[in-house]
Amino acid sequence: MQPIVRVDGKLVVYGEGQLLSNESAACCPVQTEDGMLVFLHILVTSRGSKVTNISYLPTWDRHPDYTVQPIGEALRRHQAPADELRASYQRTTSVVGRIRGVLEPIPAAVR
């Protein structure tokens, strides 16, 4: 994954990480299991449209079945080891970033 940043006043999404992968921590850096879904919130008016904010859903690729797990949901449903999910969430949010009211992860935090 790569950070979501402002370029000339506009938010730019460069890289969303893995959504489907046959890589695992056994062969590759653990970060190859991290990904995200990005949601652009767009305001449309009679004068045009603009992205007002971005939210992103950190995901983790579960092995060996390669199921993409939304981290918050996977934690609630105990679908993967909690420590691995929390570590993935932390890696994702530390790379992608946060800007209060403009760029936020879903969920805002995990326990």
PDB file of N, CA and C in Angstrom:
ATOM      1  N   MET A   1       0.812  -1.174   0.000  1.00  0.00           N
ATOM      2  CA  MET A   1       0.000   0.000   0.000  1.00  0.00           C
ATOM      3  C   MET A   1       0.858   1.241   0.000  1.00  0.00           C
ATOM      4  N   GLN A   2       0.227   2.297  -0.441  1.00  0.00           N
ATOM      5  CA  GLN A   2       0.910   3.579  -0.436  1.00  0.00           C
ATOM      6  C   GLN A   2       0.009   4.609   0.232  1.00  0.00           C
ATOM      7  N   PRO A   3       0.590   5.700   0.717  1.00  0.00           N
ATOM      8  CA  PRO A   3      -0.219   6.724   1.374  1.00  0.00           C
ATOM      9  C   PRO A   3      -1.234   7.352   0.413  1.00  0.00           C
ATOM     10  N   ILE A   4      -2.317   7.848   0.984  1.00  0.00           N
ATOM     11  CA  ILE A   4      -3.247   8.712   0.260  1.00  0.00           C
ATOM     12  C   ILE A   4      -2.833  10.119   0.649  1.00  0.00           C
ATOM     13  N   VAL A   5      -2.503  10.942  -0.337  1.00  0.00           N
ATOM     14  CA  VAL A   5      -1.928  12.259  -0.062  1.00  0.00           C
ATOM     15  C   VAL A   5      -2.627  13.345  -0.869  1.00  0.00           C
ATOM     16  N   ARG A   6      -2.361  14.558  -0.467  1.00  0.00           N
ATOM     17  CA  ARG A   6      -2.847  15.711  -1.226  1.00  0.00           C
ATOM     18  C   ARG A   6      -1.786  16.111  -2.249  1.00  0.00           C
ATOM     19  N   VAL A   7      -2.228  16.316  -3.463  1.00  0.00           N
ATOM     20  CA  VAL A   7      -1.368  16.828  -4.530  1.00  0.00           C
ATOM     21  C   VAL A   7      -2.126  17.988  -5.164  1.00  0.00           C
ATOM     22  N   ASP A   8      -1.552  19.168  -5.089  1.00  0.00           N
ATOM     23  CA  ASP A   8      -2.213  20.373  -5.599  1.00  0.00           C
ATOM     24  C   ASP A   8      -3.631  20.510  -5.065  1.00  0.00           C
ATOM     25  N   GLY A   9      -3.805  20.214  -3.773  1.00  0.00           N
ATOM     26  CA  GLY A   9      -5.093  20.360  -3.123  1.00  0.00           C
ATOM     27  C   GLY A   9      -6.069  19.221  -3.334  1.00  0.00           C
ATOM     28  N   LYS A  10      -5.689  18.228  -4.124  1.00  0.00           N
ATOM     29  CA  LYS A  10      -6.575  17.091  -4.399  1.00  0.00           C
ATOM     30  C   LYS A  10      -6.037  15.840  -3.717  1.00  0.00           C
ATOM     31  N   LEU A  11      -6.955  14.996  -3.218  1.00  0.00           N
ATOM     32  CA  LEU A  11      -6.550  13.740  -2.612  1.00  0.00           C
ATOM     33  C   LEU A  11      -6.245  12.725  -3.709  1.00  0.00           C
ATOM     34  N   VAL A  12      -5.116  12.043  -3.577  1.00  0.00           N
ATOM     35  CA  VAL A  12      -4.677  11.081  -4.589  1.00  0.00           C
ATOM     36  C   VAL A  12      -4.453   9.720  -3.922  1.00  0.00           C
ATOM     37  N   VAL A  13      -5.075   8.684  -4.504  1.00  0.00           N
ATOM     38  CA  VAL A  13      -4.898   7.306  -4.046  1.00  0.00           C
ATOM     39  C   VAL A  13      -3.898   6.658  -4.996  1.00  0.00           C
ATOM     40  N   TYR A  14      -2.728   6.277  -4.495  1.00  0.00           N
ATOM     41  CA  TYR A  14      -1.701   5.690  -5.345  1.00  0.00           C
ATOM     42  C   TYR A  14      -1.756   4.169  -5.412  1.00  0.00           C
ATOM     43  N   GLY A  15      -1.909   3.509  -4.295  1.00  0.00           N
ATOM     44  CA  GLY A  15      -1.867   2.051  -4.311  1.00  0.00           C
ATOM     45  C   GLY A  15      -2.727   1.466  -3.208  1.00  0.00           C
ATOM     46  N   GLU A  16      -3.553   0.484  -3.560  1.00  0.00           N
ATOM     47  CA  GLU A  16      -4.486  -0.100  -2.593  1.00  0.00           C
ATOM     48  C   GLU A  16      -3.998  -1.432  -2.024  1.00  0.00           C
ATOM     49  N   GLY A  17      -2.787  -1.831  -2.337  1.00  0.00           N
ATOM     50  CA  GLY A  17      -2.268  -3.077  -1.794  1.00  0.00           C
ATOM     51  C   GLY A  17      -2.906  -4.289  -2.443  1.00  0.00           C
ATOM     52  N   GLN A  18      -2.960  -5.377  -1.690  1.00  0.00           N
ATOM     53  CA  GLN A  18      -3.463  -6.640  -2.229  1.00  0.00           C
ATOM     54  C   GLN A  18      -4.969  -6.776  -2.049  1.00  0.00           C
ATOM     55  N   LEU A  19      -5.621  -7.205  -3.081  1.00  0.00           N
ATOM     56  CA  LEU A  19      -7.020  -7.589  -2.953  1.00  0.00           C
ATOM     57  C   LEU A  19      -7.157  -9.089  -3.171  1.00  0.00           C
ATOM     58  N   LEU A  20      -6.238  -9.631  -3.930  1.00  0.00           N
ATOM     59  CA  LEU A  20      -6.188 -11.076  -4.106  1.00  0.00           C
ATOM     60  C   LEU A  20      -4.739 -11.429  -4.410  1.00  0.00           C
ATOM     61  N   SER A  21      -4.249 -12.409  -3.722  1.00  0.00           N
ATOM     62  CA  SER A  21      -2.831 -12.722  -3.855  1.00  0.00           C
ATOM     63  C   SER A  21      -2.587 -14.185  -3.538  1.00  0.00           C
ATOM     64  N   ASN A  22      -1.586 -14.751  -4.168  1.00  0.00           N
ATOM     65  CA  ASN A  22      -1.174 -16.099  -3.779  1.00  0.00           C
ATOM     66  C   ASN A  22       0.112 -16.032  -2.957  1.00  0.00           C
ATOM     67  N   GLU A  23       0.499 -14.837  -2.542  1.00  0.00           N
ATOM     68  CA  GLU A  23       1.666 -14.678  -1.697  1.00  0.00           C
ATOM     69  C   GLU A  23       1.250 -14.863  -0.242  1.00  0.00           C
ATOM     70  N   SER A  24       2.151 -15.317   0.556  1.00  0.00           N
ATOM     71  CA  SER A  24       1.888 -15.450   1.989  1.00  0.00           C
ATOM     72  C   SER A  24       3.129 -15.010   2.752  1.00  0.00           C
ATOM     73  N   ALA A  25       2.985 -14.883   4.051  1.00  0.00           N
ATOM     74  CA  ALA A  25       4.128 -14.504   4.880  1.00  0.00           C
ATOM     75  C   ALA A  25       5.225 -15.559   4.839  1.00  0.00           C
ATOM     76  N   ALA A  26       4.900 -16.793   4.415  1.00  0.00           N
ATOM     77  CA  ALA A  26       5.907 -17.852   4.317  1.00  0.00           C
ATOM     78  C   ALA A  26       6.918 -17.560   3.209  1.00  0.00           C
ATOM     79  N   CYS A  27       6.479 -16.881   2.158  1.00  0.00           N
ATOM     80  CA  CYS A  27       7.397 -16.608   1.043  1.00  0.00           C
ATOM     81  C   CYS A  27       7.797 -15.149   0.941  1.00  0.00           C
ATOM     82  N   CYS A  28       6.952 -14.295   1.467  1.00  0.00           N
ATOM     83  CA  CYS A  28       7.098 -12.873   1.154  1.00  0.00           C
ATOM     84  C   CYS A  28       6.897 -12.026   2.411  1.00  0.00           C
ATOM     85  N   PRO A  29       7.216 -10.739   2.326  1.00  0.00           N
ATOM     86  CA  PRO A  29       6.960  -9.879   3.485  1.00  0.00           C
ATOM     87  C   PRO A  29       5.492  -9.953   3.898  1.00  0.00           C
ATOM     88  N   VAL A  30       5.239  -9.892   5.185  1.00  0.00           N
ATOM     89  CA  VAL A  30       3.882 -10.003   5.706  1.00  0.00           C
ATOM     90  C   VAL A  30       2.954  -8.927   5.128  1.00  0.00           C
ATOM     91  N   GLN A  31       3.511  -7.804   4.713  1.00  0.00           N
ATOM     92  CA  GLN A  31       2.711  -6.721   4.142  1.00  0.00           C
ATOM     93  C   GLN A  31       2.005  -7.135   2.848  1.00  0.00           C
ATOM     94  N   THR A  32       2.448  -8.225   2.217  1.00  0.00           N
ATOM     95  CA  THR A  32       1.785  -8.661   0.984  1.00  0.00           C
ATOM     96  C   THR A  32       0.382  -9.184   1.252  1.00  0.00           C
ATOM     97  N   GLU A  33       0.033  -9.369   2.514  1.00  0.00           N
ATOM     98  CA  GLU A  33      -1.317  -9.813   2.868  1.00  0.00           C
ATOM     99  C   GLU A  33      -2.252  -8.645   3.170  1.00  0.00           C
ATOM    100  N   ASP A  34      -1.740  -7.419   3.167  1.00  0.00           N
ATOM    101  CA  ASP A  34      -2.525  -6.228   3.504  1.00  0.00           C
ATOM    102  C   ASP A  34      -3.104  -5.579   2.253  1.00  0.00           C
ATOM    103  N   GLY A  35      -4.281  -5.004   2.401  1.00  0.00           N
ATOM    104  CA  GLY A  35      -4.908  -4.268   1.306  1.00  0.00           C
ATOM    105  C   GLY A  35      -5.969  -3.340   1.853  1.00  0.00           C
ATOM    106  N   MET A  36      -6.698  -2.715   0.946  1.00  0.00           N
ATOM    107  CA  MET A  36      -7.794  -1.841   1.374  1.00  0.00           C
ATOM    108  C   MET A  36      -8.751  -1.606   0.212  1.00  0.00           C
ATOM    109  N   LEU A  37      -9.973  -1.306   0.582  1.00  0.00           N
ATOM    110  CA  LEU A  37     -10.966  -0.824  -0.365  1.00  0.00           C
ATOM    111  C   LEU A  37     -11.121   0.665  -0.082  1.00  0.00           C
ATOM    112  N   VAL A  38     -11.162   1.465  -1.128  1.00  0.00           N
ATOM    113  CA  VAL A  38     -11.226   2.918  -0.965  1.00  0.00           C
ATOM    114  C   VAL A  38     -12.593   3.411  -1.440  1.00  0.00           C
ATOM    115  N   PHE A  39     -13.187   4.281  -0.629  1.00  0.00           N
ATOM    116  CA  PHE A  39     -14.495   4.855  -0.949  1.00  0.00           C
ATOM    117  C   PHE A  39     -14.355   6.366  -1.104  1.00  0.00           C
ATOM    118  N   LEU A  40     -14.678   6.858  -2.282  1.00  0.00           N
ATOM    119  CA  LEU A  40     -14.641   8.293  -2.537  1.00  0.00           C
ATOM    120  C   LEU A  40     -16.025   8.860  -2.263  1.00  0.00           C
ATOM    121  N   HIS A  41     -16.100   9.878  -1.441  1.00  0.00           N
ATOM    122  CA  HIS A  41     -17.361  10.549  -1.135  1.00  0.00           C
ATOM    123  C   HIS A  41     -17.393  11.807  -2.001  1.00  0.00           C
ATOM    124  N   ILE A  42     -18.343  11.839  -2.909  1.00  0.00           N
ATOM    125  CA  ILE A  42     -18.375  12.876  -3.937  1.00  0.00           C
ATOM    126  C   ILE A  42     -19.601  13.759  -3.755  1.00  0.00           C
ATOM    127  N   LEU A  43     -19.402  15.067  -3.778  1.00  0.00           N
ATOM    128  CA  LEU A  43     -20.480  16.040  -3.713  1.00  0.00           C
ATOM    129  C   LEU A  43     -20.768  16.503  -5.134  1.00  0.00           C
ATOM    130  N   VAL A  44     -21.995  16.328  -5.568  1.00  0.00           N
ATOM    131  CA  VAL A  44     -22.406  16.745  -6.907  1.00  0.00           C
ATOM    132  C   VAL A  44     -23.385  17.902  -6.765  1.00  0.00           C
ATOM    133  N   THR A  45     -23.082  19.009  -7.429  1.00  0.00           N
ATOM    134  CA  THR A  45     -23.965  20.175  -7.439  1.00  0.00           C
ATOM    135  C   THR A  45     -24.199  20.601  -8.877  1.00  0.00           C
ATOM    136  N   SER A  46     -25.000  21.613  -9.056  1.00  0.00           N
ATOM    137  CA  SER A  46     -25.259  22.114 -10.412  1.00  0.00           C
ATOM    138  C   SER A  46     -24.006  22.719 -11.035  1.00  0.00           C
ATOM    139  N   ARG A  47     -23.016  23.042 -10.212  1.00  0.00           N
ATOM    140  CA  ARG A  47     -21.767  23.629 -10.730  1.00  0.00           C
ATOM    141  C   ARG A  47     -20.664  22.608 -10.945  1.00  0.00           C
ATOM    142  N   GLY A  48     -20.927  21.336 -10.660  1.00  0.00           N
ATOM    143  CA  GLY A  48     -19.918  20.298 -10.868  1.00  0.00           C
ATOM    144  C   GLY A  48     -19.883  19.328  -9.713  1.00  0.00           C
ATOM    145  N   SER A  49     -18.772  18.642  -9.610  1.00  0.00           N
ATOM    146  CA  SER A  49     -18.618  17.653  -8.551  1.00  0.00           C
ATOM    147  C   SER A  49     -17.194  17.708  -8.010  1.00  0.00           C
ATOM    148  N   LYS A  50     -17.070  17.234  -6.760  1.00  0.00           N
ATOM    149  CA  LYS A  50     -15.731  17.165  -6.167  1.00  0.00           C
ATOM    150  C   LYS A  50     -15.729  16.100  -5.086  1.00  0.00           C
ATOM    151  N   VAL A  51     -14.553  15.517  -4.862  1.00  0.00           N
ATOM    152  CA  VAL A  51     -14.363  14.558  -3.781  1.00  0.00           C
ATOM    153  C   VAL A  51     -14.264  15.361  -2.489  1.00  0.00           C
ATOM    154  N   THR A  52     -15.160  15.072  -1.555  1.00  0.00           N
ATOM    155  CA  THR A  52     -15.147  15.808  -0.290  1.00  0.00           C
ATOM    156  C   THR A  52     -14.319  15.099   0.766  1.00  0.00           C
ATOM    157  N   ASN A  53     -14.348  13.767   0.756  1.00  0.00           N
ATOM    158  CA  ASN A  53     -13.518  13.003   1.677  1.00  0.00           C
ATOM    159  C   ASN A  53     -13.378  11.570   1.171  1.00  0.00           C
ATOM    160  N   ILE A  54     -12.463  10.857   1.803  1.00  0.00           N
ATOM    161  CA  ILE A  54     -12.173   9.471   1.435  1.00  0.00           C
ATOM    162  C   ILE A  54     -12.196   8.632   2.706  1.00  0.00           C
ATOM    163  N   SER A  55     -12.837   7.485   2.610  1.00  0.00           N
ATOM    164  CA  SER A  55     -12.719   6.502   3.685  1.00  0.00           C
ATOM    165  C   SER A  55     -12.133   5.239   3.072  1.00  0.00           C
ATOM    166  N   TYR A  56     -11.478   4.453   3.910  1.00  0.00           N
ATOM    167  CA  TYR A  56     -10.890   3.220   3.398  1.00  0.00           C
ATOM    168  C   TYR A  56     -11.094   2.093   4.396  1.00  0.00           C
ATOM    169  N   LEU A  57     -11.291   0.906   3.844  1.00  0.00           N
ATOM    170  CA  LEU A  57     -11.566  -0.299   4.619  1.00  0.00           C
ATOM    171  C   LEU A  57     -10.335  -1.198   4.561  1.00  0.00           C
ATOM    172  N   PRO A  58      -9.529  -1.256   5.633  1.00  0.00           N
ATOM    173  CA  PRO A  58      -8.367  -2.143   5.631  1.00  0.00           C
ATOM    174  C   PRO A  58      -8.799  -3.606   5.498  1.00  0.00           C
ATOM    175  N   THR A  59      -8.090  -4.354   4.670  1.00  0.00           N
ATOM    176  CA  THR A  59      -8.388  -5.761   4.447  1.00  0.00           C
ATOM    177  C   THR A  59      -7.132  -6.596   4.685  1.00  0.00           C
ATOM    178  N   TRP A  60      -7.351  -7.899   4.865  1.00  0.00           N
ATOM    179  CA  TRP A  60      -6.262  -8.850   5.081  1.00  0.00           C
ATOM    180  C   TRP A  60      -6.599 -10.108   4.298  1.00  0.00           C
ATOM    181  N   ASP A  61      -5.642 -10.626   3.531  1.00  0.00           N
ATOM    182  CA  ASP A  61      -5.848 -11.846   2.744  1.00  0.00           C
ATOM    183  C   ASP A  61      -5.566 -13.063   3.620  1.00  0.00           C
ATOM    184  N   ARG A  62      -6.611 -13.836   3.878  1.00  0.00           N
ATOM    185  CA  ARG A  62      -6.460 -15.042   4.695  1.00  0.00           C
ATOM    186  C   ARG A  62      -5.940 -16.175   3.827  1.00  0.00           C
ATOM    187  N   HIS A  63      -4.962 -16.902   4.378  1.00  0.00           N
ATOM    188  CA  HIS A  63      -4.394 -18.052   3.674  1.00  0.00           C
ATOM    189  C   HIS A  63      -4.750 -19.310   4.436  1.00  0.00           C
ATOM    190  N   PRO A  64      -4.915 -20.428   3.819  1.00  0.00           N
ATOM    191  CA  PRO A  64      -4.574 -20.733   2.428  1.00  0.00           C
ATOM    192  C   PRO A  64      -5.734 -20.564   1.447  1.00  0.00           C
ATOM    193  N   ASP A  65      -6.895 -20.065   1.892  1.00  0.00           N
ATOM    194  CA  ASP A  65      -8.032 -19.968   0.966  1.00  0.00           C
ATOM    195  C   ASP A  65      -8.121 -18.629   0.240  1.00  0.00           C
ATOM    196  N   TYR A  66      -7.211 -17.693   0.520  1.00  0.00           N
ATOM    197  CA  TYR A  66      -7.125 -16.401  -0.181  1.00  0.00           C
ATOM    198  C   TYR A  66      -8.424 -15.604  -0.095  1.00  0.00           C
ATOM    199  N   THR A  67      -9.072 -15.659   1.052  1.00  0.00           N
ATOM    200  CA  THR A  67     -10.284 -14.886   1.271  1.00  0.00           C
ATOM    201  C   THR A  67      -9.913 -13.497   1.761  1.00  0.00           C
ATOM    202  N   VAL A  68     -10.450 -12.477   1.112  1.00  0.00           N
ATOM    203  CA  VAL A  68     -10.209 -11.101   1.528  1.00  0.00           C
ATOM    204  C   VAL A  68     -11.090 -10.815   2.736  1.00  0.00           C
ATOM    205  N   GLN A  69     -10.464 -10.472   3.836  1.00  0.00           N
ATOM    206  CA  GLN A  69     -11.163 -10.228   5.092  1.00  0.00           C
ATOM    207  C   GLN A  69     -11.166  -8.742   5.426  1.00  0.00           C
ATOM    208  N   PRO A  70     -12.340  -8.088   5.451  1.00  0.00           N
ATOM    209  CA  PRO A  70     -12.386  -6.735   6.015  1.00  0.00           C
ATOM    210  C   PRO A  70     -12.009  -6.856   7.499  1.00  0.00           C
ATOM    211  N   ILE A  71     -11.014  -6.141   7.928  1.00  0.00           N
ATOM    212  CA  ILE A  71     -10.423  -6.404   9.240  1.00  0.00           C
ATOM    213  C   ILE A  71     -11.407  -6.227  10.397  1.00  0.00           C
ATOM    214  N   GLY A  72     -12.170  -5.160  10.413  1.00  0.00           N
ATOM    215  CA  GLY A  72     -13.117  -4.959  11.506  1.00  0.00           C
ATOM    216  C   GLY A  72     -14.135  -6.086  11.598  1.00  0.00           C
ATOM    217  N   GLU A  73     -14.680  -6.488  10.475  1.00  0.00           N
ATOM    218  CA  GLU A  73     -15.660  -7.572  10.424  1.00  0.00           C
ATOM    219  C   GLU A  73     -15.020  -8.907  10.809  1.00  0.00           C
ATOM    220  N   ALA A  74     -13.828  -9.159  10.319  1.00  0.00           N
ATOM    221  CA  ALA A  74     -13.134 -10.409  10.636  1.00  0.00           C
ATOM    222  C   ALA A  74     -12.843 -10.518  12.133  1.00  0.00           C
ATOM    223  N   LEU A  75     -12.513  -9.398  12.776  1.00  0.00           N
ATOM    224  CA  LEU A  75     -12.297  -9.410  14.220  1.00  0.00           C
ATOM    225  C   LEU A  75     -13.593  -9.730  14.963  1.00  0.00           C
ATOM    226  N   ARG A  76     -14.689  -9.096  14.566  1.00  0.00           N
ATOM    227  CA  ARG A  76     -15.977  -9.335  15.222  1.00  0.00           C
ATOM    228  C   ARG A  76     -16.428 -10.789  15.088  1.00  0.00           C
ATOM    229  N   ARG A  77     -16.135 -11.381  13.936  1.00  0.00           N
ATOM    230  CA  ARG A  77     -16.598 -12.746  13.666  1.00  0.00           C
ATOM    231  C   ARG A  77     -15.539 -13.815  13.977  1.00  0.00           C
ATOM    232  N   HIS A  78     -14.389 -13.395  14.472  1.00  0.00           N
ATOM    233  CA  HIS A  78     -13.303 -14.335  14.817  1.00  0.00           C
ATOM    234  C   HIS A  78     -12.939 -15.200  13.603  1.00  0.00           C
ATOM    235  N   GLN A  79     -12.760 -14.562  12.441  1.00  0.00           N
ATOM    236  CA  GLN A  79     -12.480 -15.283  11.200  1.00  0.00           C
ATOM    237  C   GLN A  79     -11.004 -15.480  10.912  1.00  0.00           C
ATOM    238  N   ALA A  80     -10.167 -14.916  11.752  1.00  0.00           N
ATOM    239  CA  ALA A  80      -8.714 -15.052  11.586  1.00  0.00           C
ATOM    240  C   ALA A  80      -8.084 -14.696  12.932  1.00  0.00           C
ATOM    241  N   PRO A  81      -6.813 -15.029  13.119  1.00  0.00           N
ATOM    242  CA  PRO A  81      -6.154 -14.700  14.385  1.00  0.00           C
ATOM    243  C   PRO A  81      -6.181 -13.192  14.655  1.00  0.00           C
ATOM    244  N   ALA A  82      -6.691 -12.812  15.815  1.00  0.00           N
ATOM    245  CA  ALA A  82      -6.860 -11.402  16.158  1.00  0.00           C
ATOM    246  C   ALA A  82      -5.553 -10.628  16.110  1.00  0.00           C
ATOM    247  N   ASP A  83      -4.450 -11.230  16.560  1.00  0.00           N
ATOM    248  CA  ASP A  83      -3.177 -10.512  16.555  1.00  0.00           C
ATOM    249  C   ASP A  83      -2.711 -10.205  15.137  1.00  0.00           C
ATOM    250  N   GLU A  84      -2.953 -11.127  14.196  1.00  0.00           N
ATOM    251  CA  GLU A  84      -2.574 -10.880  12.803  1.00  0.00           C
ATOM    252  C   GLU A  84      -3.451  -9.796  12.175  1.00  0.00           C
ATOM    253  N   LEU A  85      -4.738  -9.819  12.488  1.00  0.00           N
ATOM    254  CA  LEU A  85      -5.651  -8.796  11.962  1.00  0.00           C
ATOM    255  C   LEU A  85      -5.301  -7.416  12.506  1.00  0.00           C
ATOM    256  N   ARG A  86      -5.050  -7.329  13.807  1.00  0.00           N
ATOM    257  CA  ARG A  86      -4.688  -6.040  14.406  1.00  0.00           C
ATOM    258  C   ARG A  86      -3.374  -5.504  13.834  1.00  0.00           C
ATOM    259  N   ALA A  87      -2.404  -6.382  13.642  1.00  0.00           N
ATOM    260  CA  ALA A  87      -1.118  -5.959  13.077  1.00  0.00           C
ATOM    261  C   ALA A  87      -1.298  -5.448  11.646  1.00  0.00           C
ATOM    262  N   SER A  88      -2.124  -6.121  10.868  1.00  0.00           N
ATOM    263  CA  SER A  88      -2.399  -5.684   9.499  1.00  0.00           C
ATOM    264  C   SER A  88      -3.088  -4.321   9.497  1.00  0.00           C
ATOM    265  N   TYR A  89      -4.077  -4.147  10.367  1.00  0.00           N
ATOM    266  CA  TYR A  89      -4.781  -2.862  10.480  1.00  0.00           C
ATOM    267  C   TYR A  89      -3.779  -1.754  10.818  1.00  0.00           C
ATOM    268  N   GLN A  90      -2.897  -2.023  11.768  1.00  0.00           N
ATOM    269  CA  GLN A  90      -1.909  -1.022  12.182  1.00  0.00           C
ATOM    270  C   GLN A  90      -0.960  -0.678  11.033  1.00  0.00           C
ATOM    271  N   ARG A  91      -0.500  -1.695  10.298  1.00  0.00           N
ATOM    272  CA  ARG A  91       0.384  -1.429   9.158  1.00  0.00           C
ATOM    273  C   ARG A  91      -0.333  -0.562   8.123  1.00  0.00           C
ATOM    274  N   THR A  92      -1.572  -0.934   7.828  1.00  0.00           N
ATOM    275  CA  THR A  92      -2.327  -0.210   6.800  1.00  0.00           C
ATOM    276  C   THR A  92      -2.558   1.243   7.200  1.00  0.00           C
ATOM    277  N   THR A  93      -3.092   1.459   8.395  1.00  0.00           N
ATOM    278  CA  THR A  93      -3.403   2.832   8.793  1.00  0.00           C
ATOM    279  C   THR A  93      -2.150   3.685   8.982  1.00  0.00           C
ATOM    280  N   SER A  94      -1.033   3.064   9.368  1.00  0.00           N
ATOM    281  CA  SER A  94       0.193   3.850   9.521  1.00  0.00           C
ATOM    282  C   SER A  94       0.769   4.262   8.169  1.00  0.00           C
ATOM    283  N   VAL A  95       0.563   3.453   7.143  1.00  0.00           N
ATOM    284  CA  VAL A  95       1.051   3.800   5.801  1.00  0.00           C
ATOM    285  C   VAL A  95       0.091   4.756   5.098  1.00  0.00           C
ATOM    286  N   VAL A  96      -1.187   4.432   5.105  1.00  0.00           N
ATOM    287  CA  VAL A  96      -2.173   5.209   4.347  1.00  0.00           C
ATOM    288  C   VAL A  96      -2.408   6.566   4.978  1.00  0.00           C
ATOM    289  N   GLY A  97      -2.518   6.597   6.284  1.00  0.00           N
ATOM    290  CA  GLY A  97      -2.677   7.861   6.990  1.00  0.00           C
ATOM    291  C   GLY A  97      -4.115   8.164   7.378  1.00  0.00           C
ATOM    292  N   ARG A  98      -4.248   9.300   8.054  1.00  0.00           N
ATOM    293  CA  ARG A  98      -5.540   9.813   8.508  1.00  0.00           C
ATOM    294  C   ARG A  98      -5.491  11.331   8.433  1.00  0.00           C
ATOM    295  N   ILE A  99      -6.590  11.910   8.023  1.00  0.00           N
ATOM    296  CA  ILE A  99      -6.774  13.358   8.098  1.00  0.00           C
ATOM    297  C   ILE A  99      -8.189  13.540   8.627  1.00  0.00           C
ATOM    298  N   ARG A 100      -8.319  13.981   9.843  1.00  0.00           N
ATOM    299  CA  ARG A 100      -9.631  14.045  10.503  1.00  0.00           C
ATOM    300  C   ARG A 100     -10.684  14.711   9.611  1.00  0.00           C
ATOM    301  N   GLY A 101     -11.766  13.978   9.363  1.00  0.00           N
ATOM    302  CA  GLY A 101     -12.868  14.491   8.554  1.00  0.00           C
ATOM    303  C   GLY A 101     -12.633  14.452   7.057  1.00  0.00           C
ATOM    304  N   VAL A 102     -11.437  14.076   6.644  1.00  0.00           N
ATOM    305  CA  VAL A 102     -11.095  14.052   5.223  1.00  0.00           C
ATOM    306  C   VAL A 102     -10.651  12.664   4.774  1.00  0.00           C
ATOM    307  N   LEU A 103      -9.848  11.997   5.586  1.00  0.00           N
ATOM    308  CA  LEU A 103      -9.322  10.671   5.273  1.00  0.00           C
ATOM    309  C   LEU A 103      -9.385   9.829   6.537  1.00  0.00           C
ATOM    310  N   GLU A 104     -10.284   8.826   6.537  1.00  0.00           N
ATOM    311  CA  GLU A 104     -10.508   8.028   7.742  1.00  0.00           C
ATOM    312  C   GLU A 104     -10.618   6.539   7.401  1.00  0.00           C
ATOM    313  N   PRO A 105     -10.046   5.673   8.265  1.00  0.00           N
ATOM    314  CA  PRO A 105     -10.231   4.233   8.076  1.00  0.00           C
ATOM    315  C   PRO A 105     -11.584   3.779   8.638  1.00  0.00           C
ATOM    316  N   ILE A 106     -12.068   2.653   8.109  1.00  0.00           N
ATOM    317  CA  ILE A 106     -13.293   1.999   8.610  1.00  0.00           C
ATOM    318  C   ILE A 106     -12.880   0.622   9.114  1.00  0.00           C
ATOM    319  N   PRO A 107     -13.062   0.323  10.382  1.00  0.00           N
ATOM    320  CA  PRO A 107     -13.486   1.200  11.469  1.00  0.00           C
ATOM    321  C   PRO A 107     -12.377   2.165  11.863  1.00  0.00           C
ATOM    322  N   ALA A 108     -12.735   3.161  12.670  1.00  0.00           N
ATOM    323  CA  ALA A 108     -11.759   4.174  13.074  1.00  0.00           C
ATOM    324  C   ALA A 108     -10.652   3.587  13.944  1.00  0.00           C
ATOM    325  N   ALA A 109     -10.966   2.485  14.651  1.00  0.00           N
ATOM    326  CA  ALA A 109      -9.981   1.807  15.509  1.00  0.00           C
ATOM    327  C   ALA A 109     -10.405   0.347  15.665  1.00  0.00           C
ATOM    328  N   VAL A 110      -9.469  -0.497  16.051  1.00  0.00           N
ATOM    329  CA  VAL A 110      -9.781  -1.890  16.360  1.00  0.00           C
ATOM    330  C   VAL A 110      -9.279  -2.205  17.756  1.00  0.00           C
ATOM    331  N   ARG A 111      -9.914  -3.210  18.361  1.00  0.00           N
ATOM    332  CA  ARG A 111      -9.499  -3.631  19.714  1.00  0.00           C
ATOM    333  C   ARG A 111      -9.015  -5.043  19.681  1.00  0.00           C
TER     334      ARG A 111
END
